[in-house]
């Protein structure tokens, strides 16, 4: 019987605790509303953070890609400039070489002209104009004696009335 009394007391105590638990479960604490509001705000802030972090990571990747493309473009441009510079130097060297060859050829032509005597005049020695190197022919009715007297004054005249000149650079225009 003593044991049954103890069991009965425990059952009553268990029943009271259940009722108390049920009443506590039905009653919300005062801070619970604020807790739930802060929890939803935290969730929203976390979602914003994740979105911004994802966007930032994407933009950083885009920036790195853009820098890489710009660097590639810059290197390509520098390579192109370097190639153009080399090509222009080669062309300048070729042009300089061609000009030197041309100058050498002109120099050789001048030397050959200086070595070859240039004959100006007529077979009869009439009407010789030695100032500009041109020869005018006449019908032979001129005064041969006057022409011969004028020719004797000139140093470059041969006795036959033929003027001999050595080629110079001024004579190139007369060809």
N, C-alpha and C. Protein backbone atom coordinates (compact mmCIF):
# COMPACT_ATOMS: atom_id res chain seq x y z
N UNK A 1 0.80 -1.17 0.00
CA UNK A 1 0.00 0.00 0.00
C UNK A 1 0.86 1.25 0.00
N UNK A 2 1.90 1.21 0.70
CA UNK A 2 2.80 2.36 0.73
C UNK A 2 3.39 2.60 -0.68
N UNK A 3 3.64 1.51 -1.31
CA UNK A 3 4.16 1.61 -2.65
C UNK A 3 3.10 2.16 -3.58
N UNK A 4 1.90 1.80 -3.44
CA UNK A 4 0.83 2.30 -4.29
C UNK A 4 0.61 3.77 -4.05
N UNK A 5 0.77 4.26 -2.86
CA UNK A 5 0.63 5.68 -2.53
C UNK A 5 1.75 6.46 -3.23
N UNK A 6 2.90 5.94 -3.23
CA UNK A 6 4.02 6.61 -3.89
C UNK A 6 3.78 6.67 -5.40
N UNK A 7 3.30 5.59 -5.96
CA UNK A 7 3.03 5.56 -7.39
C UNK A 7 1.95 6.57 -7.73
N UNK A 8 0.92 6.63 -6.90
CA UNK A 8 -0.17 7.59 -7.12
C UNK A 8 0.34 9.02 -7.02
N UNK A 9 1.18 9.34 -6.12
CA UNK A 9 1.75 10.69 -5.98
C UNK A 9 2.58 11.04 -7.21
N UNK A 10 3.33 10.07 -7.66
CA UNK A 10 4.16 10.32 -8.84
C UNK A 10 3.30 10.56 -10.07
N UNK A 11 2.18 9.82 -10.20
CA UNK A 11 1.29 10.02 -11.34
C UNK A 11 0.70 11.41 -11.30
N UNK A 12 0.28 11.86 -10.10
CA UNK A 12 -0.29 13.20 -9.96
C UNK A 12 0.77 14.27 -10.29
N UNK A 13 1.94 14.06 -9.85
CA UNK A 13 3.03 15.01 -10.13
C UNK A 13 3.33 15.05 -11.63
N UNK A 14 3.33 13.89 -12.26
CA UNK A 14 3.55 13.82 -13.70
C UNK A 14 2.46 14.55 -14.44
N UNK A 15 1.22 14.38 -14.01
CA UNK A 15 0.08 15.06 -14.65
C UNK A 15 0.21 16.57 -14.48
N UNK A 16 0.57 17.04 -13.34
CA UNK A 16 0.76 18.48 -13.12
C UNK A 16 1.89 19.03 -14.00
N UNK A 17 2.94 18.32 -14.12
CA UNK A 17 4.06 18.77 -14.98
C UNK A 17 3.65 18.83 -16.45
N UNK A 18 2.83 17.85 -16.87
CA UNK A 18 2.35 17.87 -18.25
C UNK A 18 1.48 19.10 -18.49
N UNK A 19 0.55 19.39 -17.55
CA UNK A 19 -0.31 20.56 -17.69
C UNK A 19 0.54 21.84 -17.71
N UNK A 20 1.53 21.88 -16.88
CA UNK A 20 2.40 23.05 -16.82
C UNK A 20 3.18 23.20 -18.12
N UNK A 21 3.66 22.09 -18.64
CA UNK A 21 4.39 22.11 -19.90
C UNK A 21 3.48 22.59 -21.02
N UNK A 22 2.25 22.08 -21.02
CA UNK A 22 1.31 22.49 -22.04
C UNK A 22 0.99 23.97 -21.92
N UNK A 23 0.81 24.46 -20.73
CA UNK A 23 0.53 25.89 -20.54
C UNK A 23 1.75 26.73 -20.93
N UNK A 24 2.95 26.26 -20.65
CA UNK A 24 4.16 26.99 -21.04
C UNK A 24 4.35 26.96 -22.57
N UNK A 25 3.97 25.85 -23.17
CA UNK A 25 4.10 25.76 -24.61
C UNK A 25 3.12 26.69 -25.30
N UNK A 26 1.97 26.91 -24.72
CA UNK A 26 0.98 27.81 -25.32
C UNK A 26 1.35 29.29 -25.13
N UNK A 27 2.11 29.60 -24.13
CA UNK A 27 2.49 30.98 -23.84
C UNK A 27 3.83 31.26 -24.54
N UNK A 28 3.85 32.36 -25.37
CA UNK A 28 5.10 32.78 -26.04
C UNK A 28 5.83 33.78 -25.16
N UNK A 29 7.12 33.65 -25.11
CA UNK A 29 7.86 34.64 -24.34
C UNK A 29 7.86 35.99 -25.05
N UNK A 30 8.13 37.06 -24.35
CA UNK A 30 8.08 38.42 -24.88
C UNK A 30 9.17 38.64 -25.92
N UNK A 31 10.31 38.09 -25.77
CA UNK A 31 11.42 38.31 -26.71
C UNK A 31 11.32 37.47 -27.98
N UNK A 32 10.39 36.51 -28.02
CA UNK A 32 10.29 35.61 -29.16
C UNK A 32 9.93 36.34 -30.44
N UNK A 33 9.04 37.33 -30.41
CA UNK A 33 8.68 38.09 -31.60
C UNK A 33 9.90 38.83 -32.15
N UNK A 34 10.65 39.44 -31.25
CA UNK A 34 11.85 40.17 -31.69
C UNK A 34 12.89 39.19 -32.25
N UNK A 35 13.02 38.03 -31.62
CA UNK A 35 13.96 37.02 -32.09
C UNK A 35 13.62 36.57 -33.51
N UNK A 36 12.35 36.28 -33.78
CA UNK A 36 11.94 35.83 -35.11
C UNK A 36 12.14 36.94 -36.15
N UNK A 37 11.84 38.19 -35.76
CA UNK A 37 12.04 39.32 -36.68
C UNK A 37 13.54 39.45 -37.01
N UNK A 38 14.40 39.36 -36.00
CA UNK A 38 15.84 39.46 -36.24
C UNK A 38 16.36 38.27 -37.05
N UNK A 39 15.77 37.11 -36.82
CA UNK A 39 16.18 35.94 -37.57
C UNK A 39 15.85 36.09 -39.07
N UNK A 40 14.69 36.59 -39.39
CA UNK A 40 14.33 36.82 -40.80
C UNK A 40 15.21 37.92 -41.42
N UNK A 41 15.50 38.96 -40.65
CA UNK A 41 16.39 40.03 -41.14
C UNK A 41 17.80 39.49 -41.41
N UNK A 42 18.27 38.64 -40.51
CA UNK A 42 19.57 38.01 -40.68
C UNK A 42 19.58 37.15 -41.95
N UNK A 43 18.52 36.41 -42.17
CA UNK A 43 18.43 35.56 -43.37
C UNK A 43 18.47 36.43 -44.64
N UNK A 44 17.72 37.53 -44.62
CA UNK A 44 17.70 38.45 -45.77
C UNK A 44 19.09 39.06 -45.99
N UNK A 45 19.75 39.50 -44.91
CA UNK A 45 21.09 40.08 -45.03
C UNK A 45 22.10 39.05 -45.55
N UNK A 46 21.97 37.84 -45.12
CA UNK A 46 22.88 36.79 -45.59
C UNK A 46 22.68 36.55 -47.08
N UNK A 47 21.44 36.52 -47.55
CA UNK A 47 21.16 36.35 -48.98
C UNK A 47 21.75 37.51 -49.79
N UNK A 48 21.62 38.75 -49.27
CA UNK A 48 22.22 39.91 -49.93
C UNK A 48 23.75 39.77 -49.98
N UNK A 49 24.31 39.35 -48.87
CA UNK A 49 25.76 39.15 -48.81
C UNK A 49 26.21 38.13 -49.85
N UNK A 50 25.53 37.00 -49.91
CA UNK A 50 25.90 35.95 -50.86
C UNK A 50 25.78 36.47 -52.29
N UNK A 51 24.70 37.21 -52.58
CA UNK A 51 24.51 37.76 -53.93
C UNK A 51 25.62 38.77 -54.27
N UNK A 52 25.92 39.67 -53.32
CA UNK A 52 26.96 40.66 -53.57
C UNK A 52 28.33 40.00 -53.69
N UNK A 53 28.59 39.01 -52.88
CA UNK A 53 29.87 38.30 -52.97
C UNK A 53 30.01 37.60 -54.31
N UNK A 54 28.92 36.96 -54.74
CA UNK A 54 28.92 36.30 -56.05
C UNK A 54 29.14 37.32 -57.16
N UNK A 55 28.45 38.48 -57.09
CA UNK A 55 28.62 39.53 -58.09
C UNK A 55 30.06 40.08 -58.08
N UNK A 56 30.59 40.29 -56.89
CA UNK A 56 31.95 40.80 -56.77
C UNK A 56 32.95 39.82 -57.38
N UNK A 57 32.77 38.56 -57.08
CA UNK A 57 33.66 37.54 -57.63
C UNK A 57 33.57 37.52 -59.16
N UNK A 58 32.36 37.61 -59.69
CA UNK A 58 32.15 37.64 -61.14
C UNK A 58 32.83 38.86 -61.75
N UNK A 59 32.62 40.03 -61.13
CA UNK A 59 33.22 41.26 -61.66
C UNK A 59 34.74 41.24 -61.59
N UNK A 60 35.29 40.68 -60.51
CA UNK A 60 36.74 40.56 -60.42
C UNK A 60 37.27 39.66 -61.53
N UNK A 61 36.57 38.58 -61.82
CA UNK A 61 36.96 37.69 -62.90
C UNK A 61 36.89 38.42 -64.24
N UNK A 62 35.81 39.18 -64.43
CA UNK A 62 35.68 39.97 -65.67
C UNK A 62 36.82 40.98 -65.80
N UNK A 63 37.18 41.63 -64.71
CA UNK A 63 38.27 42.59 -64.71
C UNK A 63 39.59 41.91 -65.07
N UNK A 64 39.85 40.76 -64.48
CA UNK A 64 41.07 40.02 -64.81
C UNK A 64 41.09 39.63 -66.29
N UNK A 65 39.94 39.17 -66.80
CA UNK A 65 39.85 38.82 -68.22
C UNK A 65 40.10 40.04 -69.09
N UNK A 66 39.50 41.16 -68.71
CA UNK A 66 39.68 42.40 -69.48
C UNK A 66 41.14 42.85 -69.46
N UNK A 67 41.78 42.76 -68.31
CA UNK A 67 43.20 43.11 -68.21
C UNK A 67 44.04 42.19 -69.07
N UNK A 68 43.72 40.91 -69.05
CA UNK A 68 44.46 39.94 -69.84
C UNK A 68 44.30 40.24 -71.33
N UNK A 69 43.06 40.53 -71.75
CA UNK A 69 42.80 40.86 -73.15
C UNK A 69 43.54 42.14 -73.53
N UNK A 70 43.50 43.15 -72.66
CA UNK A 70 44.19 44.42 -72.92
C UNK A 70 45.70 44.20 -72.99
N UNK A 71 46.22 43.36 -72.11
CA UNK A 71 47.66 43.06 -72.13
C UNK A 71 48.03 42.34 -73.42
N UNK A 72 47.20 41.38 -73.82
CA UNK A 72 47.44 40.66 -75.08
C UNK A 72 47.40 41.63 -76.25
N UNK A 73 46.41 42.51 -76.24
CA UNK A 73 46.28 43.50 -77.32
C UNK A 73 47.50 44.43 -77.34
N UNK A 74 47.96 44.84 -76.16
CA UNK A 74 49.13 45.71 -76.06
C UNK A 74 50.38 44.99 -76.58
N UNK A 75 50.55 43.73 -76.18
CA UNK A 75 51.69 42.96 -76.66
C UNK A 75 51.62 42.77 -78.17
N UNK A 76 50.43 42.51 -78.67
CA UNK A 76 50.25 42.35 -80.11
C UNK A 76 50.59 43.64 -80.84
N UNK A 77 50.14 44.77 -80.27
CA UNK A 77 50.43 46.08 -80.86
C UNK A 77 51.93 46.36 -80.84
N UNK A 78 52.58 46.02 -79.71
CA UNK A 78 54.03 46.22 -79.63
C UNK A 78 54.76 45.33 -80.63
N UNK A 79 54.30 44.09 -80.80
CA UNK A 79 54.90 43.20 -81.79
C UNK A 79 54.73 43.77 -83.19
N UNK A 80 53.54 44.29 -83.48
CA UNK A 80 53.29 44.89 -84.78
C UNK A 80 54.20 46.09 -85.00
N UNK A 81 54.31 46.94 -83.98
CA UNK A 81 55.19 48.10 -84.09
C UNK A 81 56.64 47.68 -84.29
N UNK A 82 57.06 46.66 -83.55
CA UNK A 82 58.42 46.16 -83.68
C UNK A 82 58.65 45.63 -85.09
N UNK A 83 57.68 44.88 -85.62
CA UNK A 83 57.81 44.35 -86.98
C UNK A 83 57.85 45.47 -88.00
N UNK A 84 56.98 46.48 -87.83
CA UNK A 84 56.96 47.61 -88.75
C UNK A 84 58.29 48.36 -88.68
N UNK A 85 58.81 48.53 -87.47
CA UNK A 85 60.09 49.22 -87.29
C UNK A 85 61.20 48.45 -88.00
N UNK A 86 61.23 47.14 -87.81
CA UNK A 86 62.25 46.32 -88.46
C UNK A 86 62.09 46.40 -89.97
N UNK A 87 60.85 46.34 -90.44
CA UNK A 87 60.60 46.41 -91.88
C UNK A 87 61.05 47.76 -92.42
N UNK A 88 60.74 48.84 -91.70
CA UNK A 88 61.15 50.17 -92.15
C UNK A 88 62.67 50.30 -92.15
N UNK A 89 63.34 49.73 -91.13
CA UNK A 89 64.80 49.77 -91.10
C UNK A 89 65.37 49.00 -92.28
N UNK A 90 64.78 47.85 -92.58
CA UNK A 90 65.25 47.07 -93.73
C UNK A 90 65.04 47.84 -95.02
N UNK A 91 63.87 48.49 -95.15
CA UNK A 91 63.61 49.29 -96.35
C UNK A 91 64.57 50.46 -96.44
N UNK A 92 64.83 51.12 -95.30
CA UNK A 92 65.78 52.23 -95.31
C UNK A 92 67.17 51.75 -95.69
N UNK A 93 67.58 50.60 -95.15
CA UNK A 93 68.89 50.06 -95.52
C UNK A 93 68.94 49.71 -96.99
N UNK A 94 67.86 49.12 -97.49
CA UNK A 94 67.81 48.76 -98.90
C UNK A 94 67.84 50.01 -99.76
N UNK A 95 67.05 51.03 -99.37
CA UNK A 95 67.04 52.29 -100.12
C UNK A 95 68.41 52.94 -100.07
N UNK A 96 69.04 52.95 -98.91
CA UNK A 96 70.37 53.52 -98.76
C UNK A 96 71.36 52.75 -99.62
N UNK A 97 71.25 51.43 -99.59
CA UNK A 97 72.14 50.60 -100.40
C UNK A 97 71.90 50.88 -101.88
N UNK A 98 70.64 50.98 -102.30
CA UNK A 98 70.32 51.29 -103.69
C UNK A 98 70.84 52.67 -104.07
N UNK A 99 70.67 53.64 -103.18
CA UNK A 99 71.18 54.99 -103.45
C UNK A 99 72.69 54.99 -103.57
N UNK A 100 73.37 54.23 -102.70
CA UNK A 100 74.83 54.14 -102.79
C UNK A 100 75.25 53.50 -104.10
N UNK A 101 74.53 52.44 -104.50
CA UNK A 101 74.84 51.81 -105.78
C UNK A 101 74.60 52.78 -106.93
N UNK A 102 73.51 53.52 -106.84
CA UNK A 102 73.19 54.49 -107.88
C UNK A 102 74.25 55.58 -107.91
N UNK A 103 74.66 56.06 -106.72
CA UNK A 103 75.71 57.08 -106.65
C UNK A 103 77.02 56.54 -107.23
N UNK A 104 77.33 55.28 -106.94
CA UNK A 104 78.54 54.68 -107.50
C UNK A 104 78.44 54.61 -109.02
N UNK A 105 77.26 54.23 -109.52
CA UNK A 105 77.06 54.15 -110.97
C UNK A 105 77.21 55.53 -111.59
N UNK A 106 76.64 56.56 -110.95
CA UNK A 106 76.75 57.93 -111.46
C UNK A 106 78.21 58.36 -111.41
N UNK A 107 78.89 58.02 -110.32
CA UNK A 107 80.31 58.35 -110.20
C UNK A 107 81.12 57.68 -111.29
N UNK A 108 80.82 56.42 -111.60
CA UNK A 108 81.52 55.71 -112.67
C UNK A 108 81.20 56.35 -114.02
N UNK A 109 79.92 56.74 -114.22
CA UNK A 109 79.54 57.41 -115.45
C UNK A 109 80.31 58.72 -115.60
N UNK A 110 80.42 59.47 -114.49
CA UNK A 110 81.14 60.74 -114.53
C UNK A 110 82.61 60.51 -114.85
N UNK A 111 83.18 59.48 -114.25
CA UNK A 111 84.58 59.17 -114.53
C UNK A 111 84.76 58.80 -115.99
N UNK A 112 83.85 58.00 -116.51
CA UNK A 112 83.98 57.61 -117.91
C UNK A 112 83.75 58.80 -118.82
N UNK A 113 82.91 59.72 -118.43
CA UNK A 113 82.68 60.92 -119.24
C UNK A 113 83.89 61.84 -119.19
N UNK A 114 84.53 61.89 -118.03
CA UNK A 114 85.70 62.74 -117.91
C UNK A 114 86.85 62.18 -118.72
N UNK A 115 86.92 60.88 -118.87
CA UNK A 115 88.00 60.27 -119.63
C UNK A 115 87.76 60.38 -121.12
N UNK A 116 86.52 60.36 -121.56
CA UNK A 116 86.23 60.44 -122.99
C UNK A 116 86.17 61.90 -123.40
N UNK A 117 86.89 62.29 -124.43
CA UNK A 117 86.80 63.68 -124.89
C UNK A 117 85.47 63.90 -125.58
N UNK A 118 84.95 65.08 -125.37
CA UNK A 118 83.68 65.45 -126.00
C UNK A 118 84.00 66.44 -127.12
N UNK A 119 83.54 66.15 -128.28
CA UNK A 119 83.87 66.98 -129.45
C UNK A 119 82.66 67.83 -129.77
N UNK A 120 82.89 69.14 -129.84
CA UNK A 120 81.83 70.08 -130.18
C UNK A 120 82.31 70.87 -131.38
N UNK A 121 81.49 70.98 -132.37
CA UNK A 121 81.85 71.80 -133.54
C UNK A 121 81.52 71.09 -134.83
N UNK A 122 81.91 71.72 -135.91
CA UNK A 122 81.66 71.14 -137.24
C UNK A 122 82.98 70.72 -137.85
N UNK A 123 82.89 69.99 -138.86
CA UNK A 123 84.09 69.53 -139.54
C UNK A 123 84.85 70.70 -140.16
N UNK A 124 84.12 71.75 -140.54
CA UNK A 124 84.76 72.90 -141.17
C UNK A 124 85.15 73.95 -140.17
N UNK A 125 84.64 73.86 -138.94
CA UNK A 125 84.99 74.82 -137.91
C UNK A 125 84.19 76.09 -138.00
N UNK A 126 83.08 76.07 -138.65
CA UNK A 126 82.30 77.29 -138.81
C UNK A 126 81.27 77.43 -137.71
N UNK A 127 80.97 78.64 -137.34
CA UNK A 127 79.91 79.03 -136.42
C UNK A 127 79.91 78.17 -135.14
N UNK A 128 80.97 78.14 -134.40
CA UNK A 128 81.05 77.37 -133.17
C UNK A 128 80.65 78.29 -132.03
N UNK A 129 79.72 77.83 -131.22
CA UNK A 129 79.34 78.57 -130.01
C UNK A 129 79.75 77.71 -128.84
N UNK A 130 80.86 78.01 -128.22
CA UNK A 130 81.40 77.15 -127.18
C UNK A 130 80.93 77.52 -125.79
N UNK A 131 80.18 78.61 -125.62
CA UNK A 131 79.77 79.01 -124.28
C UNK A 131 78.76 78.03 -123.68
N UNK A 132 77.76 77.63 -124.46
CA UNK A 132 76.76 76.74 -123.92
C UNK A 132 76.91 75.32 -124.43
N UNK A 133 77.88 75.07 -125.25
CA UNK A 133 78.14 73.72 -125.72
C UNK A 133 77.28 73.34 -126.91
N UNK A 134 76.46 74.25 -127.45
CA UNK A 134 75.63 73.90 -128.59
C UNK A 134 76.36 74.27 -129.88
N UNK A 135 76.03 73.59 -130.93
CA UNK A 135 76.67 73.81 -132.22
C UNK A 135 75.60 74.27 -133.19
N UNK A 136 75.86 75.33 -133.88
CA UNK A 136 74.92 75.76 -134.91
C UNK A 136 75.59 75.62 -136.26
N UNK A 137 74.89 75.07 -137.19
CA UNK A 137 75.43 74.86 -138.53
C UNK A 137 74.95 75.99 -139.44
N UNK A 138 75.80 76.39 -140.32
CA UNK A 138 75.39 77.43 -141.28
C UNK A 138 75.53 76.90 -142.69
N UNK A 139 75.16 77.70 -143.64
CA UNK A 139 75.23 77.28 -145.04
C UNK A 139 76.62 77.42 -145.62
N UNK A 140 77.57 77.87 -144.83
CA UNK A 140 78.94 77.97 -145.29
C UNK A 140 79.26 79.33 -145.87
N UNK A 141 78.36 80.25 -145.77
CA UNK A 141 78.61 81.57 -146.35
C UNK A 141 79.23 82.52 -145.34
N UNK A 142 79.57 82.04 -144.16
CA UNK A 142 80.16 82.89 -143.13
C UNK A 142 81.61 83.18 -143.44
N UNK A 143 82.18 84.06 -142.74
CA UNK A 143 83.58 84.43 -142.94
C UNK A 143 84.44 83.47 -142.16
N UNK A 144 85.11 82.64 -142.84
CA UNK A 144 85.95 81.64 -142.23
C UNK A 144 87.12 82.27 -141.50
N UNK A 145 87.62 83.31 -142.03
CA UNK A 145 88.75 83.98 -141.41
C UNK A 145 88.38 84.58 -140.07
N UNK A 146 87.20 85.18 -139.98
CA UNK A 146 86.76 85.77 -138.72
C UNK A 146 86.56 84.68 -137.66
N UNK A 147 85.97 83.58 -138.08
CA UNK A 147 85.73 82.50 -137.15
C UNK A 147 87.05 81.92 -136.66
N UNK A 148 87.99 81.76 -137.55
CA UNK A 148 89.28 81.21 -137.15
C UNK A 148 90.01 82.15 -136.21
N UNK A 149 89.89 83.47 -136.45
CA UNK A 149 90.55 84.43 -135.56
C UNK A 149 89.94 84.36 -134.16
N UNK A 150 88.62 84.20 -134.06
CA UNK A 150 87.96 84.08 -132.76
C UNK A 150 88.37 82.79 -132.06
N UNK A 151 88.52 81.75 -132.85
CA UNK A 151 88.86 80.46 -132.28
C UNK A 151 90.27 80.44 -131.74
N UNK A 152 91.16 81.15 -132.32
CA UNK A 152 92.54 81.16 -131.85
C UNK A 152 92.63 81.77 -130.47
N UNK A 153 91.66 82.64 -130.11
CA UNK A 153 91.67 83.25 -128.79
C UNK A 153 91.26 82.25 -127.71
N UNK A 154 90.53 81.27 -128.09
CA UNK A 154 90.06 80.30 -127.10
C UNK A 154 91.11 79.23 -126.88
N UNK A 155 91.31 78.83 -125.64
CA UNK A 155 92.36 77.88 -125.29
C UNK A 155 91.99 76.45 -125.65
N UNK A 156 90.71 76.11 -125.64
CA UNK A 156 90.30 74.72 -125.81
C UNK A 156 90.14 74.33 -127.27
N UNK A 157 90.42 75.17 -128.20
CA UNK A 157 90.21 74.83 -129.60
C UNK A 157 91.44 74.14 -130.18
N UNK A 158 91.18 73.12 -130.94
CA UNK A 158 92.23 72.44 -131.68
C UNK A 158 92.45 73.21 -132.99
N UNK A 159 93.56 73.05 -133.66
CA UNK A 159 93.83 73.78 -134.91
C UNK A 159 92.83 73.47 -136.00
N UNK A 160 92.16 72.33 -135.96
CA UNK A 160 91.22 71.99 -137.03
C UNK A 160 89.87 72.64 -136.82
N UNK A 161 89.64 73.42 -135.77
CA UNK A 161 88.37 74.07 -135.51
C UNK A 161 87.43 73.21 -134.69
N UNK A 162 87.94 72.17 -134.06
CA UNK A 162 87.12 71.29 -133.24
C UNK A 162 87.45 71.56 -131.79
N UNK A 163 86.43 71.82 -131.01
CA UNK A 163 86.64 72.12 -129.60
C UNK A 163 86.57 70.81 -128.81
N UNK A 164 87.47 70.62 -127.91
CA UNK A 164 87.49 69.42 -127.09
C UNK A 164 87.26 69.84 -125.66
N UNK A 165 86.26 69.23 -125.04
CA UNK A 165 85.97 69.52 -123.64
C UNK A 165 85.96 68.20 -122.87
N UNK A 166 86.41 68.28 -121.64
CA UNK A 166 86.33 67.13 -120.76
C UNK A 166 84.96 67.16 -120.09
N UNK A 167 84.31 65.99 -119.96
CA UNK A 167 82.97 65.94 -119.37
C UNK A 167 82.99 66.35 -117.90
N UNK A 168 82.03 67.14 -117.48
CA UNK A 168 81.88 67.54 -116.09
C UNK A 168 80.44 67.31 -115.68
N UNK A 169 80.15 67.53 -114.44
CA UNK A 169 78.80 67.31 -113.94
C UNK A 169 77.83 68.33 -114.54
N UNK A 170 78.32 69.47 -114.97
CA UNK A 170 77.43 70.46 -115.60
C UNK A 170 77.01 70.01 -116.97
N UNK A 171 77.82 69.16 -117.61
CA UNK A 171 77.50 68.71 -118.96
C UNK A 171 76.43 67.65 -119.00
N UNK A 172 76.04 67.10 -117.86
CA UNK A 172 75.03 66.05 -117.83
C UNK A 172 73.70 66.55 -118.35
N UNK A 173 73.39 67.80 -118.15
CA UNK A 173 72.12 68.36 -118.60
C UNK A 173 72.06 68.46 -120.10
N UNK A 174 73.18 68.46 -120.82
CA UNK A 174 73.21 68.66 -122.26
C UNK A 174 72.98 67.39 -123.02
N UNK A 175 72.87 66.25 -122.40
CA UNK A 175 72.68 64.98 -123.11
C UNK A 175 71.26 64.76 -123.48
